[in-house]
Amino acid sequence: MFTFLTISYNQEKYIIEHLESIKYQILNFGNRLQFQYIISDDCSTDNTIFLVNEWVKRNKFLFEEIIILTNSENKGIVSNYLKGISSIVTNYYKSLAGDDLYYRNNIFEVIEDNELVFTPVIRFGQCEKIRSNGDINFKKLIRLEKIEEIKKRLTFGNLFDAPGAFMKTEIIQDKGLMSFLSNYSWIEDLPQWYYIFKNVSNLKLNIKEKPYILYRTTDGISNKRSKHNQYNLESLKIMKQFYPKSAKYPKYINPYKYYSKFQSIKIKYFDSKMNLRIKGFTNIMKEERKNAPKYLTHIRNEAYNFYKQIGEEQLYDYKPIIESNNSR
């Protein structure tokens, strides 16, 4: 049994696309599995939960269990995240923000015998435009490979895209980790990595070059203007706490900043041509970015069909793109 966990706040604009991407995974790759669906919503003031309820009415056949968690007041990203995590009863799960999408590749093949797996994400923005940037940190991660090397590198900066991380439930539901995360309000991923790499012994880690997540770079939970200052303050606190080597230097004379830039240049102009694994990863992402627009068209058209069913396509100004073919 596998759990899909959605973390949401005021995401009526994208939540149906998110849900349709879950449906795509189940219908195309989940025929031998059973599924739990959980959404943990942080007191949305728009129609996010209304739309979720309408969607699950029509798609409840996909799931063995559906749990809709709501807050009576806005409690922050981390509290909402922990509430959702606490409700998982399966050994395997994936959490994702309500504006991001599962991609066309089979997510159920990712975790296997590992406890934590990092995968790249495909970034996209307004009008479903696929972005070609964002791979450099993953290439740095590929070069490190060993856990001890990753731990050393984490002392002066984060390398991970949280949406691309997959882990077993037993790791994230560790009481010590959940207690540690409860000290924060707006950022869960950086404290999470810090704790896991410091405290989980004999961690079974893997790095896979294939993308499984489409990461939306606009309108995300952390991009809401009303939360921006609080988010930035907590981010500075975390930088000083977890990345002391980097945080102790001013921005323009920070040796770790320039070392990181040097690494980026080396990867771009040397390793991308000479390191076979990085070269292979570059080719994979190039091909997947070519395929992504067709998949996005399929998901958007499925969302449009849902809005037509409930008679809300005009209210949400939602239009189909083109007639969709099989996007697999």
C-alpha atoms as a PDB file:
ATOM      1  CA  MET A   1       0.000   0.000   0.000  1.00  0.00           C
ATOM      2  CA  PHE A   2       1.243   3.475  -0.912  1.00  0.00           C
ATOM      3  CA  THR A   3       0.220   6.929   0.366  1.00  0.00           C
ATOM      4  CA  PHE A   4      -0.039  10.132  -1.626  1.00  0.00           C
ATOM      5  CA  LEU A   5       0.200  13.103   0.760  1.00  0.00           C
ATOM      6  CA  THR A   6      -0.739  16.585  -0.449  1.00  0.00           C
ATOM      7  CA  ILE A   7       0.350  19.663   1.526  1.00  0.00           C
ATOM      8  CA  SER A   8      -1.851  22.597   0.547  1.00  0.00           C
ATOM      9  CA  TYR A   9      -2.629  26.231   1.219  1.00  0.00           C
ATOM     10  CA  ASN A  10      -4.739  28.391  -1.120  1.00  0.00           C
ATOM     11  CA  GLN A  11      -3.977  26.368  -4.247  1.00  0.00           C
ATOM     12  CA  GLU A  12      -7.362  26.250  -5.976  1.00  0.00           C
ATOM     13  CA  LYS A  13      -5.690  27.288  -9.232  1.00  0.00           C
ATOM     14  CA  TYR A  14      -3.552  24.148  -9.456  1.00  0.00           C
ATOM     15  CA  ILE A  15      -4.936  21.507  -7.088  1.00  0.00           C
ATOM     16  CA  ILE A  16      -6.921  19.659  -9.778  1.00  0.00           C
ATOM     17  CA  GLU A  17      -3.859  19.377 -12.019  1.00  0.00           C
ATOM     18  CA  HIS A  18      -2.016  17.961  -8.999  1.00  0.00           C
ATOM     19  CA  LEU A  19      -4.779  15.418  -8.354  1.00  0.00           C
ATOM     20  CA  GLU A  20      -4.966  14.427 -12.009  1.00  0.00           C
ATOM     21  CA  SER A  21      -1.229  13.707 -11.933  1.00  0.00           C
ATOM     22  CA  ILE A  22      -1.860  11.327  -9.005  1.00  0.00           C
ATOM     23  CA  LYS A  23      -4.617   9.668 -11.021  1.00  0.00           C
ATOM     24  CA  TYR A  24      -2.226   9.274 -13.953  1.00  0.00           C
ATOM     25  CA  GLN A  25       0.272   7.451 -11.735  1.00  0.00           C
ATOM     26  CA  ILE A  26      -2.348   5.086 -10.334  1.00  0.00           C
ATOM     27  CA  LEU A  27      -4.024   4.252 -13.649  1.00  0.00           C
ATOM     28  CA  ASN A  28      -0.768   3.752 -15.540  1.00  0.00           C
ATOM     29  CA  PHE A  29       1.483   2.133 -12.942  1.00  0.00           C
ATOM     30  CA  GLY A  30      -0.538   1.154  -9.858  1.00  0.00           C
ATOM     31  CA  ASN A  31      -2.582  -1.845 -10.961  1.00  0.00           C
ATOM     32  CA  ARG A  32      -1.046  -4.144  -8.311  1.00  0.00           C
ATOM     33  CA  LEU A  33      -1.062  -1.623  -5.482  1.00  0.00           C
ATOM     34  CA  GLN A  34      -3.558  -0.137  -3.049  1.00  0.00           C
ATOM     35  CA  PHE A  35      -3.554   3.556  -2.188  1.00  0.00           C
ATOM     36  CA  GLN A  36      -4.219   5.917   0.669  1.00  0.00           C
ATOM     37  CA  TYR A  37      -4.780   9.599  -0.101  1.00  0.00           C
ATOM     38  CA  ILE A  38      -4.208  12.325   2.490  1.00  0.00           C
ATOM     39  CA  ILE A  39      -4.460  16.072   2.060  1.00  0.00           C
ATOM     40  CA  SER A  40      -3.315  18.324   4.890  1.00  0.00           C
ATOM     41  CA  ASP A  41      -4.599  21.857   4.321  1.00  0.00           C
ATOM     42  CA  ASP A  42      -3.462  24.866   6.344  1.00  0.00           C
ATOM     43  CA  CYS A  43      -6.765  26.772   6.552  1.00  0.00           C
ATOM     44  CA  SER A  44      -7.080  27.744   2.891  1.00  0.00           C
ATOM     45  CA  THR A  45      -9.361  30.728   2.350  1.00  0.00           C
ATOM     46  CA  ASP A  46     -10.068  29.883  -1.292  1.00  0.00           C
ATOM     47  CA  ASN A  47     -11.836  26.864  -2.836  1.00  0.00           C
ATOM     48  CA  THR A  48      -8.984  24.369  -2.522  1.00  0.00           C
ATOM     49  CA  ILE A  49     -10.866  21.989  -0.211  1.00  0.00           C
ATOM     50  CA  PHE A  50     -14.157  22.376  -2.115  1.00  0.00           C
ATOM     51  CA  LEU A  51     -12.402  21.274  -5.300  1.00  0.00           C
ATOM     52  CA  VAL A  52     -10.647  18.385  -3.549  1.00  0.00           C
ATOM     53  CA  ASN A  53     -13.977  17.141  -2.187  1.00  0.00           C
ATOM     54  CA  GLU A  54     -15.570  17.337  -5.631  1.00  0.00           C
ATOM     55  CA  TRP A  55     -12.641  15.496  -7.204  1.00  0.00           C
ATOM     56  CA  VAL A  56     -12.540  12.658  -4.649  1.00  0.00           C
ATOM     57  CA  LYS A  57     -16.310  12.136  -5.031  1.00  0.00           C
ATOM     58  CA  ARG A  58     -15.667  11.269  -8.658  1.00  0.00           C
ATOM     59  CA  ASN A  59     -12.407   9.377  -8.113  1.00  0.00           C
ATOM     60  CA  LYS A  60     -12.799   7.590  -4.786  1.00  0.00           C
ATOM     61  CA  PHE A  61     -12.527   4.261  -6.628  1.00  0.00           C
ATOM     62  CA  LEU A  62      -8.775   4.926  -6.869  1.00  0.00           C
ATOM     63  CA  PHE A  63      -8.185   4.768  -3.112  1.00  0.00           C
ATOM     64  CA  GLU A  64      -8.696   2.406  -0.198  1.00  0.00           C
ATOM     65  CA  GLU A  65      -8.773   5.358   2.191  1.00  0.00           C
ATOM     66  CA  ILE A  66      -9.146   9.127   1.806  1.00  0.00           C
ATOM     67  CA  ILE A  67      -8.293  11.518   4.654  1.00  0.00           C
ATOM     68  CA  ILE A  68      -8.947  15.261   4.392  1.00  0.00           C
ATOM     69  CA  LEU A  69      -7.253  17.210   7.184  1.00  0.00           C
ATOM     70  CA  THR A  70      -8.001  20.902   7.698  1.00  0.00           C
ATOM     71  CA  ASN A  71      -6.883  23.502  10.223  1.00  0.00           C
ATOM     72  CA  SER A  72      -9.176  26.053  11.855  1.00  0.00           C
ATOM     73  CA  GLU A  73      -6.367  28.604  11.636  1.00  0.00           C
ATOM     74  CA  ASN A  74      -3.179  29.007   9.630  1.00  0.00           C
ATOM     75  CA  LYS A  75      -0.400  27.230  11.542  1.00  0.00           C
ATOM     76  CA  GLY A  76       2.481  27.345   9.077  1.00  0.00           C
ATOM     77  CA  ILE A  77       4.035  24.952   6.610  1.00  0.00           C
ATOM     78  CA  VAL A  78       5.887  22.726   9.084  1.00  0.00           C
ATOM     79  CA  SER A  79       2.958  22.144  11.447  1.00  0.00           C
ATOM     80  CA  ASN A  80       0.717  21.321   8.500  1.00  0.00           C
ATOM     81  CA  TYR A  81       3.364  18.997   7.067  1.00  0.00           C
ATOM     82  CA  LEU A  82       3.790  17.124  10.358  1.00  0.00           C
ATOM     83  CA  LYS A  83       0.035  16.734  10.717  1.00  0.00           C
ATOM     84  CA  GLY A  84      -0.113  15.035   7.335  1.00  0.00           C
ATOM     85  CA  ILE A  85       2.968  12.888   7.979  1.00  0.00           C
ATOM     86  CA  SER A  86       1.488  11.647  11.273  1.00  0.00           C
ATOM     87  CA  SER A  87      -1.558  10.252   9.451  1.00  0.00           C
ATOM     88  CA  ILE A  88       0.371   7.945   7.101  1.00  0.00           C
ATOM     89  CA  VAL A  89      -0.130   4.239   7.876  1.00  0.00           C
ATOM     90  CA  THR A  90       1.724   2.739   4.899  1.00  0.00           C
ATOM     91  CA  ASN A  91       5.403   1.803   4.581  1.00  0.00           C
ATOM     92  CA  TYR A  92       5.822   3.908   1.460  1.00  0.00           C
ATOM     93  CA  TYR A  93       4.575   7.407   0.660  1.00  0.00           C
ATOM     94  CA  LYS A  94       5.280  10.573  -1.286  1.00  0.00           C
ATOM     95  CA  SER A  95       4.447  14.076  -0.107  1.00  0.00           C
ATOM     96  CA  LEU A  96       4.100  16.967  -2.521  1.00  0.00           C
ATOM     97  CA  ALA A  97       2.762  20.513  -2.467  1.00  0.00           C
ATOM     98  CA  GLY A  98      -0.651  20.991  -4.023  1.00  0.00           C
ATOM     99  CA  ASP A  99       0.695  23.048  -6.927  1.00  0.00           C
ATOM    100  CA  ASP A 100       3.385  20.555  -8.008  1.00  0.00           C
ATOM    101  CA  LEU A 101       2.790  17.539 -10.249  1.00  0.00           C
ATOM    102  CA  TYR A 102       3.827  13.926 -10.477  1.00  0.00           C
ATOM    103  CA  TYR A 103       5.528  13.416 -13.825  1.00  0.00           C
ATOM    104  CA  ARG A 104       4.897  10.678 -16.400  1.00  0.00           C
ATOM    105  CA  ASN A 105       7.542   8.260 -15.029  1.00  0.00           C
ATOM    106  CA  ASN A 106       6.603   5.467 -12.612  1.00  0.00           C
ATOM    107  CA  ILE A 107       7.162   6.768  -9.064  1.00  0.00           C
ATOM    108  CA  PHE A 108       6.513   3.356  -7.510  1.00  0.00           C
ATOM    109  CA  GLU A 109       9.839   2.071  -8.849  1.00  0.00           C
ATOM    110  CA  VAL A 110      11.863   4.692  -6.988  1.00  0.00           C
ATOM    111  CA  ILE A 111      12.286   3.663  -3.363  1.00  0.00           C
ATOM    112  CA  GLU A 112      12.773  -0.140  -3.735  1.00  0.00           C
ATOM    113  CA  ASP A 113      15.182  -1.310  -0.994  1.00  0.00           C
ATOM    114  CA  ASN A 114      16.440   2.186  -0.171  1.00  0.00           C
ATOM    115  CA  GLU A 115      15.419   4.408   2.731  1.00  0.00           C
ATOM    116  CA  LEU A 116      16.091   7.714   0.973  1.00  0.00           C
ATOM    117  CA  VAL A 117      16.327   8.433  -2.751  1.00  0.00           C
ATOM    118  CA  PHE A 118      17.113  11.763  -4.393  1.00  0.00           C
ATOM    119  CA  THR A 119      15.836  12.393  -7.913  1.00  0.00           C
ATOM    120  CA  PRO A 120      15.986  15.501 -10.132  1.00  0.00           C
ATOM    121  CA  VAL A 121      12.939  17.667 -10.773  1.00  0.00           C
ATOM    122  CA  ILE A 122      11.771  19.372 -13.937  1.00  0.00           C
ATOM    123  CA  ARG A 123      10.974  23.009 -13.244  1.00  0.00           C
ATOM    124  CA  PHE A 124       8.122  24.761 -14.990  1.00  0.00           C
ATOM    125  CA  GLY A 125       6.487  28.146 -14.660  1.00  0.00           C
ATOM    126  CA  GLN A 126       3.645  30.217 -16.033  1.00  0.00           C
ATOM    127  CA  CYS A 127       1.919  28.940 -19.177  1.00  0.00           C
ATOM    128  CA  GLU A 128       3.493  25.529 -18.475  1.00  0.00           C
ATOM    129  CA  LYS A 129       6.854  26.771 -19.772  1.00  0.00           C
ATOM    130  CA  ILE A 130       9.541  24.171 -19.109  1.00  0.00           C
ATOM    131  CA  ARG A 131      12.674  25.688 -17.601  1.00  0.00           C
ATOM    132  CA  SER A 132      16.104  24.469 -18.659  1.00  0.00           C
ATOM    133  CA  ASN A 133      17.917  25.521 -15.466  1.00  0.00           C
ATOM    134  CA  GLY A 134      18.179  23.963 -12.030  1.00  0.00           C
ATOM    135  CA  ASP A 135      20.278  20.847 -12.693  1.00  0.00           C
ATOM    136  CA  ILE A 136      23.616  22.076 -11.355  1.00  0.00           C
ATOM    137  CA  ASN A 137      23.072  21.042  -7.715  1.00  0.00           C
ATOM    138  CA  PHE A 138      21.970  17.586  -8.794  1.00  0.00           C
ATOM    139  CA  LYS A 139      25.129  17.253 -10.864  1.00  0.00           C
ATOM    140  CA  LYS A 140      27.133  18.186  -7.770  1.00  0.00           C
ATOM    141  CA  LEU A 141      25.242  15.497  -5.873  1.00  0.00           C
ATOM    142  CA  ILE A 142      26.075  12.906  -8.539  1.00  0.00           C
ATOM    143  CA  ARG A 143      29.775  13.754  -8.206  1.00  0.00           C
ATOM    144  CA  LEU A 144      29.705  13.248  -4.435  1.00  0.00           C
ATOM    145  CA  GLU A 145      27.939   9.859  -4.423  1.00  0.00           C
ATOM    146  CA  LYS A 146      29.112   8.663  -0.965  1.00  0.00           C
ATOM    147  CA  ILE A 147      27.195   9.608   2.187  1.00  0.00           C
ATOM    148  CA  GLU A 148      30.289  10.910   4.001  1.00  0.00           C
ATOM    149  CA  GLU A 149      31.071  13.213   1.080  1.00  0.00           C
ATOM    150  CA  ILE A 150      27.482  14.492   1.093  1.00  0.00           C
ATOM    151  CA  LYS A 151      27.616  15.132   4.858  1.00  0.00           C
ATOM    152  CA  LYS A 152      30.812  17.147   4.442  1.00  0.00           C
ATOM    153  CA  ARG A 153      29.328  19.185   1.581  1.00  0.00           C
ATOM    154  CA  LEU A 154      26.163  19.919   3.582  1.00  0.00           C
ATOM    155  CA  THR A 155      28.145  21.921   6.136  1.00  0.00           C
ATOM    156  CA  PHE A 156      28.215  24.862   3.735  1.00  0.00           C
ATOM    157  CA  GLY A 157      25.046  24.579   1.673  1.00  0.00           C
ATOM    158  CA  ASN A 158      22.005  22.566   0.627  1.00  0.00           C
ATOM    159  CA  LEU A 159      22.108  20.410  -2.517  1.00  0.00           C
ATOM    160  CA  PHE A 160      18.673  18.826  -2.482  1.00  0.00           C
ATOM    161  CA  ASP A 161      15.391  19.644  -4.208  1.00  0.00           C
ATOM    162  CA  ALA A 162      12.893  18.483  -1.577  1.00  0.00           C
ATOM    163  CA  PRO A 163      10.121  17.675  -4.107  1.00  0.00           C
ATOM    164  CA  GLY A 164      12.457  15.157  -5.753  1.00  0.00           C
ATOM    165  CA  ALA A 165      13.197  13.265  -2.517  1.00  0.00           C
ATOM    166  CA  PHE A 166      11.562   9.916  -1.744  1.00  0.00           C
ATOM    167  CA  MET A 167      11.889   8.178   1.627  1.00  0.00           C
ATOM    168  CA  LYS A 168      10.377   5.364   3.634  1.00  0.00           C
ATOM    169  CA  THR A 169       7.719   6.282   6.179  1.00  0.00           C
ATOM    170  CA  GLU A 170       9.804   4.922   9.076  1.00  0.00           C
ATOM    171  CA  ILE A 171      12.435   7.596   8.400  1.00  0.00           C
ATOM    172  CA  ILE A 172      10.093  10.593   8.345  1.00  0.00           C
ATOM    173  CA  GLN A 173       7.944   9.350  11.263  1.00  0.00           C
ATOM    174  CA  ASP A 174      10.954   9.005  13.568  1.00  0.00           C
ATOM    175  CA  LYS A 175       9.871  10.684  16.825  1.00  0.00           C
ATOM    176  CA  GLY A 176      13.166  12.508  17.200  1.00  0.00           C
ATOM    177  CA  LEU A 177      12.941  13.927  13.683  1.00  0.00           C
ATOM    178  CA  MET A 178       9.328  15.053  14.087  1.00  0.00           C
ATOM    179  CA  SER A 179      10.142  16.704  17.408  1.00  0.00           C
ATOM    180  CA  PHE A 180      13.145  18.433  15.833  1.00  0.00           C
ATOM    181  CA  LEU A 181      11.068  19.734  12.909  1.00  0.00           C
ATOM    182  CA  SER A 182       8.426  21.131  15.273  1.00  0.00           C
ATOM    183  CA  ASN A 183      10.944  23.837  16.262  1.00  0.00           C
ATOM    184  CA  TYR A 184      10.402  25.464  12.859  1.00  0.00           C
ATOM    185  CA  SER A 185       7.401  27.111  11.225  1.00  0.00           C
ATOM    186  CA  TRP A 186       8.033  27.718   7.528  1.00  0.00           C
ATOM    187  CA  ILE A 187      10.909  25.514   6.345  1.00  0.00           C
ATOM    188  CA  GLU A 188      10.898  21.749   6.830  1.00  0.00           C
ATOM    189  CA  ASP A 189      13.336  20.428   4.236  1.00  0.00           C
ATOM    190  CA  LEU A 190      16.668  21.866   5.432  1.00  0.00           C
ATOM    191  CA  PRO A 191      16.201  20.816   9.092  1.00  0.00           C
ATOM    192  CA  GLN A 192      14.988  17.455   7.805  1.00  0.00           C
ATOM    193  CA  TRP A 193      18.185  16.764   5.836  1.00  0.00           C
ATOM    194  CA  TYR A 194      20.354  18.008   8.676  1.00  0.00           C
ATOM    195  CA  TYR A 195      18.711  15.643  11.163  1.00  0.00           C
ATOM    196  CA  ILE A 196      18.618  12.597   8.873  1.00  0.00           C
ATOM    197  CA  PHE A 197      22.260  12.786   7.813  1.00  0.00           C
ATOM    198  CA  LYS A 198      23.389  13.435  11.372  1.00  0.00           C
ATOM    199  CA  ASN A 199      21.270  10.868  13.215  1.00  0.00           C
ATOM    200  CA  VAL A 200      20.245   8.006  10.918  1.00  0.00           C
ATOM    201  CA  SER A 201      22.970   5.367  11.016  1.00  0.00           C
ATOM    202  CA  ASN A 202      23.665   3.098   8.036  1.00  0.00           C
ATOM    203  CA  LEU A 203      21.295   5.122   5.872  1.00  0.00           C
ATOM    204  CA  LYS A 204      20.432   3.317   2.641  1.00  0.00           C
ATOM    205  CA  LEU A 205      20.751   6.171   0.147  1.00  0.00           C
ATOM    206  CA  ASN A 206      20.445   6.170  -3.617  1.00  0.00           C
ATOM    207  CA  ILE A 207      20.596   8.820  -6.333  1.00  0.00           C
ATOM    208  CA  LYS A 208      18.551   8.274  -9.487  1.00  0.00           C
ATOM    209  CA  GLU A 209      18.947  10.399 -12.592  1.00  0.00           C
ATOM    210  CA  LYS A 210      15.389  10.065 -13.929  1.00  0.00           C
ATOM    211  CA  PRO A 211      12.864  12.846 -13.023  1.00  0.00           C
ATOM    212  CA  TYR A 212       9.566  11.918 -11.365  1.00  0.00           C
ATOM    213  CA  ILE A 213       8.316  15.350 -10.276  1.00  0.00           C
ATOM    214  CA  LEU A 214       7.332  18.569 -12.054  1.00  0.00           C
ATOM    215  CA  TYR A 215       8.162  21.449  -9.723  1.00  0.00           C
ATOM    216  CA  ARG A 216       6.200  24.660 -10.203  1.00  0.00           C
ATOM    217  CA  THR A 217       8.414  27.698  -9.664  1.00  0.00           C
ATOM    218  CA  THR A 218       5.613  30.249  -9.209  1.00  0.00           C
ATOM    219  CA  ASP A 219       2.744  30.617  -6.744  1.00  0.00           C
ATOM    220  CA  GLY A 220       4.115  28.013  -4.349  1.00  0.00           C
ATOM    221  CA  ILE A 221       3.342  27.908  -0.637  1.00  0.00           C
ATOM    222  CA  SER A 222       6.620  29.608   0.229  1.00  0.00           C
ATOM    223  CA  ASN A 223       6.098  32.270  -2.434  1.00  0.00           C
ATOM    224  CA  LYS A 224       3.030  33.859  -0.801  1.00  0.00           C
ATOM    225  CA  ARG A 225       3.924  37.485  -0.102  1.00  0.00           C
ATOM    226  CA  SER A 226       2.254  37.574   3.311  1.00  0.00           C
ATOM    227  CA  LYS A 227       4.607  34.840   4.527  1.00  0.00           C
ATOM    228  CA  HIS A 228       7.710  36.028   2.706  1.00  0.00           C
ATOM    229  CA  ASN A 229       9.385  37.956   5.547  1.00  0.00           C
ATOM    230  CA  GLN A 230       8.793  35.194   8.110  1.00  0.00           C
ATOM    231  CA  TYR A 231      10.160  32.645   5.664  1.00  0.00           C
ATOM    232  CA  ASN A 232      13.296  34.716   5.022  1.00  0.00           C
ATOM    233  CA  LEU A 233      13.961  35.231   8.732  1.00  0.00           C
ATOM    234  CA  GLU A 234      13.711  31.510   9.404  1.00  0.00           C
ATOM    235  CA  SER A 235      15.906  30.820   6.388  1.00  0.00           C
ATOM    236  CA  LEU A 236      18.651  33.067   7.813  1.00  0.00           C
ATOM    237  CA  LYS A 237      18.356  31.334  11.185  1.00  0.00           C
ATOM    238  CA  ILE A 238      18.723  27.936   9.531  1.00  0.00           C
ATOM    239  CA  MET A 239      21.729  29.059   7.486  1.00  0.00           C
ATOM    240  CA  LYS A 240      23.551  30.081  10.664  1.00  0.00           C
ATOM    241  CA  GLN A 241      22.531  26.903  12.476  1.00  0.00           C
ATOM    242  CA  PHE A 242      23.178  24.264   9.815  1.00  0.00           C
ATOM    243  CA  TYR A 243      25.716  25.913   7.496  1.00  0.00           C
ATOM    244  CA  PRO A 244      28.043  27.746   9.902  1.00  0.00           C
ATOM    245  CA  LYS A 245      31.040  27.630   7.560  1.00  0.00           C
ATOM    246  CA  SER A 246      29.182  29.526   4.887  1.00  0.00           C
ATOM    247  CA  ALA A 247      27.158  31.780   7.205  1.00  0.00           C
ATOM    248  CA  LYS A 248      30.128  33.271   9.057  1.00  0.00           C
ATOM    249  CA  TYR A 249      31.423  35.163   5.995  1.00  0.00           C
ATOM    250  CA  PRO A 250      29.862  38.244   4.339  1.00  0.00           C
ATOM    251  CA  LYS A 251      28.283  37.505   0.975  1.00  0.00           C
ATOM    252  CA  TYR A 252      30.916  39.049  -1.311  1.00  0.00           C
ATOM    253  CA  ILE A 253      33.999  37.666   0.460  1.00  0.00           C
ATOM    254  CA  ASN A 254      32.590  34.230   1.220  1.00  0.00           C
ATOM    255  CA  PRO A 255      35.143  31.612   0.057  1.00  0.00           C
ATOM    256  CA  TYR A 256      32.493  28.874   0.026  1.00  0.00           C
ATOM    257  CA  LYS A 257      30.361  30.911  -2.333  1.00  0.00           C
ATOM    258  CA  TYR A 258      33.253  31.207  -4.792  1.00  0.00           C
ATOM    259  CA  TYR A 259      34.175  27.551  -4.337  1.00  0.00           C
ATOM    260  CA  SER A 260      30.591  26.621  -5.190  1.00  0.00           C
ATOM    261  CA  LYS A 261      30.722  28.831  -8.294  1.00  0.00           C
ATOM    262  CA  PHE A 262      33.992  27.209  -9.329  1.00  0.00           C
ATOM    263  CA  GLN A 263      32.379  23.779  -8.951  1.00  0.00           C
ATOM    264  CA  SER A 264      29.447  24.898 -11.095  1.00  0.00           C
ATOM    265  CA  ILE A 265      31.757  26.129 -13.867  1.00  0.00           C
ATOM    266  CA  LYS A 266      33.809  22.921 -13.712  1.00  0.00           C
ATOM    267  CA  ILE A 267      30.683  20.776 -13.976  1.00  0.00           C
ATOM    268  CA  LYS A 268      29.271  22.828 -16.848  1.00  0.00           C
ATOM    269  CA  TYR A 269      32.389  22.931 -19.015  1.00  0.00           C
ATOM    270  CA  PHE A 270      34.331  19.817 -17.978  1.00  0.00           C
ATOM    271  CA  ASP A 271      32.382  17.196 -16.018  1.00  0.00           C
ATOM    272  CA  SER A 272      29.324  17.406 -18.280  1.00  0.00           C
ATOM    273  CA  LYS A 273      31.581  16.215 -21.107  1.00  0.00           C
ATOM    274  CA  MET A 274      34.021  13.925 -19.250  1.00  0.00           C
ATOM    275  CA  ASN A 275      32.034  12.394 -16.351  1.00  0.00           C
ATOM    276  CA  LEU A 276      29.969   9.604 -17.914  1.00  0.00           C
ATOM    277  CA  ARG A 277      27.276   9.642 -15.233  1.00  0.00           C
ATOM    278  CA  ILE A 278      26.792  13.411 -15.425  1.00  0.00           C
ATOM    279  CA  LYS A 279      26.831  13.222 -19.218  1.00  0.00           C
ATOM    280  CA  GLY A 280      24.158  10.523 -19.096  1.00  0.00           C
ATOM    281  CA  PHE A 281      22.075  12.592 -16.669  1.00  0.00           C
ATOM    282  CA  THR A 282      22.306  15.631 -18.969  1.00  0.00           C
ATOM    283  CA  ASN A 283      21.002  13.563 -21.878  1.00  0.00           C
ATOM    284  CA  ILE A 284      18.158  12.117 -19.771  1.00  0.00           C
ATOM    285  CA  MET A 285      16.988  15.574 -18.680  1.00  0.00           C
ATOM    286  CA  LYS A 286      17.231  16.946 -22.206  1.00  0.00           C
ATOM    287  CA  GLU A 287      14.957  14.171 -23.476  1.00  0.00           C
ATOM    288  CA  GLU A 288      12.511  14.432 -20.570  1.00  0.00           C
ATOM    289  CA  ARG A 289      12.183  18.192 -21.017  1.00  0.00           C
ATOM    290  CA  LYS A 290      11.200  17.531 -24.627  1.00  0.00           C
ATOM    291  CA  ASN A 291       8.482  15.129 -23.430  1.00  0.00           C
ATOM    292  CA  ALA A 292       7.194  17.257 -20.546  1.00  0.00           C
ATOM    293  CA  PRO A 293       5.030  19.734 -22.547  1.00  0.00           C
ATOM    294  CA  LYS A 294       2.974  16.888 -24.038  1.00  0.00           C
ATOM    295  CA  TYR A 295       2.400  15.423 -20.587  1.00  0.00           C
ATOM    296  CA  LEU A 296       1.429  18.834 -19.179  1.00  0.00           C
ATOM    297  CA  THR A 297      -1.071  19.221 -22.004  1.00  0.00           C
ATOM    298  CA  HIS A 298      -2.610  15.875 -21.078  1.00  0.00           C
ATOM    299  CA  ILE A 299      -2.894  16.813 -17.384  1.00  0.00           C
ATOM    300  CA  ARG A 300      -4.339  20.238 -18.151  1.00  0.00           C
ATOM    301  CA  ASN A 301      -6.954  18.745 -20.454  1.00  0.00           C
ATOM    302  CA  GLU A 302      -7.935  16.184 -17.819  1.00  0.00           C
ATOM    303  CA  ALA A 303      -8.335  19.038 -15.330  1.00  0.00           C
ATOM    304  CA  TYR A 304     -10.480  20.922 -17.848  1.00  0.00           C
ATOM    305  CA  ASN A 305     -12.716  17.870 -18.241  1.00  0.00           C
ATOM    306  CA  PHE A 306     -13.190  17.794 -14.473  1.00  0.00           C
ATOM    307  CA  TYR A 307     -14.154  21.480 -14.383  1.00  0.00           C
ATOM    308  CA  LYS A 308     -16.680  20.829 -17.154  1.00  0.00           C
ATOM    309  CA  GLN A 309     -18.204  18.018 -15.090  1.00  0.00           C
ATOM    310  CA  ILE A 310     -18.845  20.331 -12.157  1.00  0.00           C
ATOM    311  CA  GLY A 311     -19.722  23.326 -14.360  1.00  0.00           C
ATOM    312  CA  GLU A 312     -16.884  25.499 -13.076  1.00  0.00           C
ATOM    313  CA  GLU A 313     -14.608  25.891 -16.111  1.00  0.00           C
ATOM    314  CA  GLN A 314     -15.644  29.528 -16.643  1.00  0.00           C
ATOM    315  CA  LEU A 315     -15.346  30.405 -12.952  1.00  0.00           C
ATOM    316  CA  TYR A 316     -11.723  29.243 -12.930  1.00  0.00           C
ATOM    317  CA  ASP A 317     -11.081  30.565 -16.457  1.00  0.00           C
ATOM    318  CA  TYR A 318      -9.842  27.111 -17.366  1.00  0.00           C
ATOM    319  CA  LYS A 319      -9.391  26.192 -21.016  1.00  0.00           C
ATOM    320  CA  PRO A 320      -8.043  23.084 -22.745  1.00  0.00           C
ATOM    321  CA  ILE A 321      -4.799  23.403 -24.699  1.00  0.00           C
ATOM    322  CA  ILE A 322      -5.071  20.921 -27.558  1.00  0.00           C
ATOM    323  CA  GLU A 323      -6.637  17.556 -28.148  1.00  0.00           C
ATOM    324  CA  SER A 324      -4.487  15.245 -26.013  1.00  0.00           C
ATOM    325  CA  ASN A 325      -2.978  12.030 -27.312  1.00  0.00           C
ATOM    326  CA  ASN A 326      -1.586   9.235 -25.160  1.00  0.00           C
ATOM    327  CA  SER A 327       1.190  11.010 -23.253  1.00  0.00           C
ATOM    328  CA  ARG A 328       3.044   8.000 -21.964  1.00  0.00           C
END
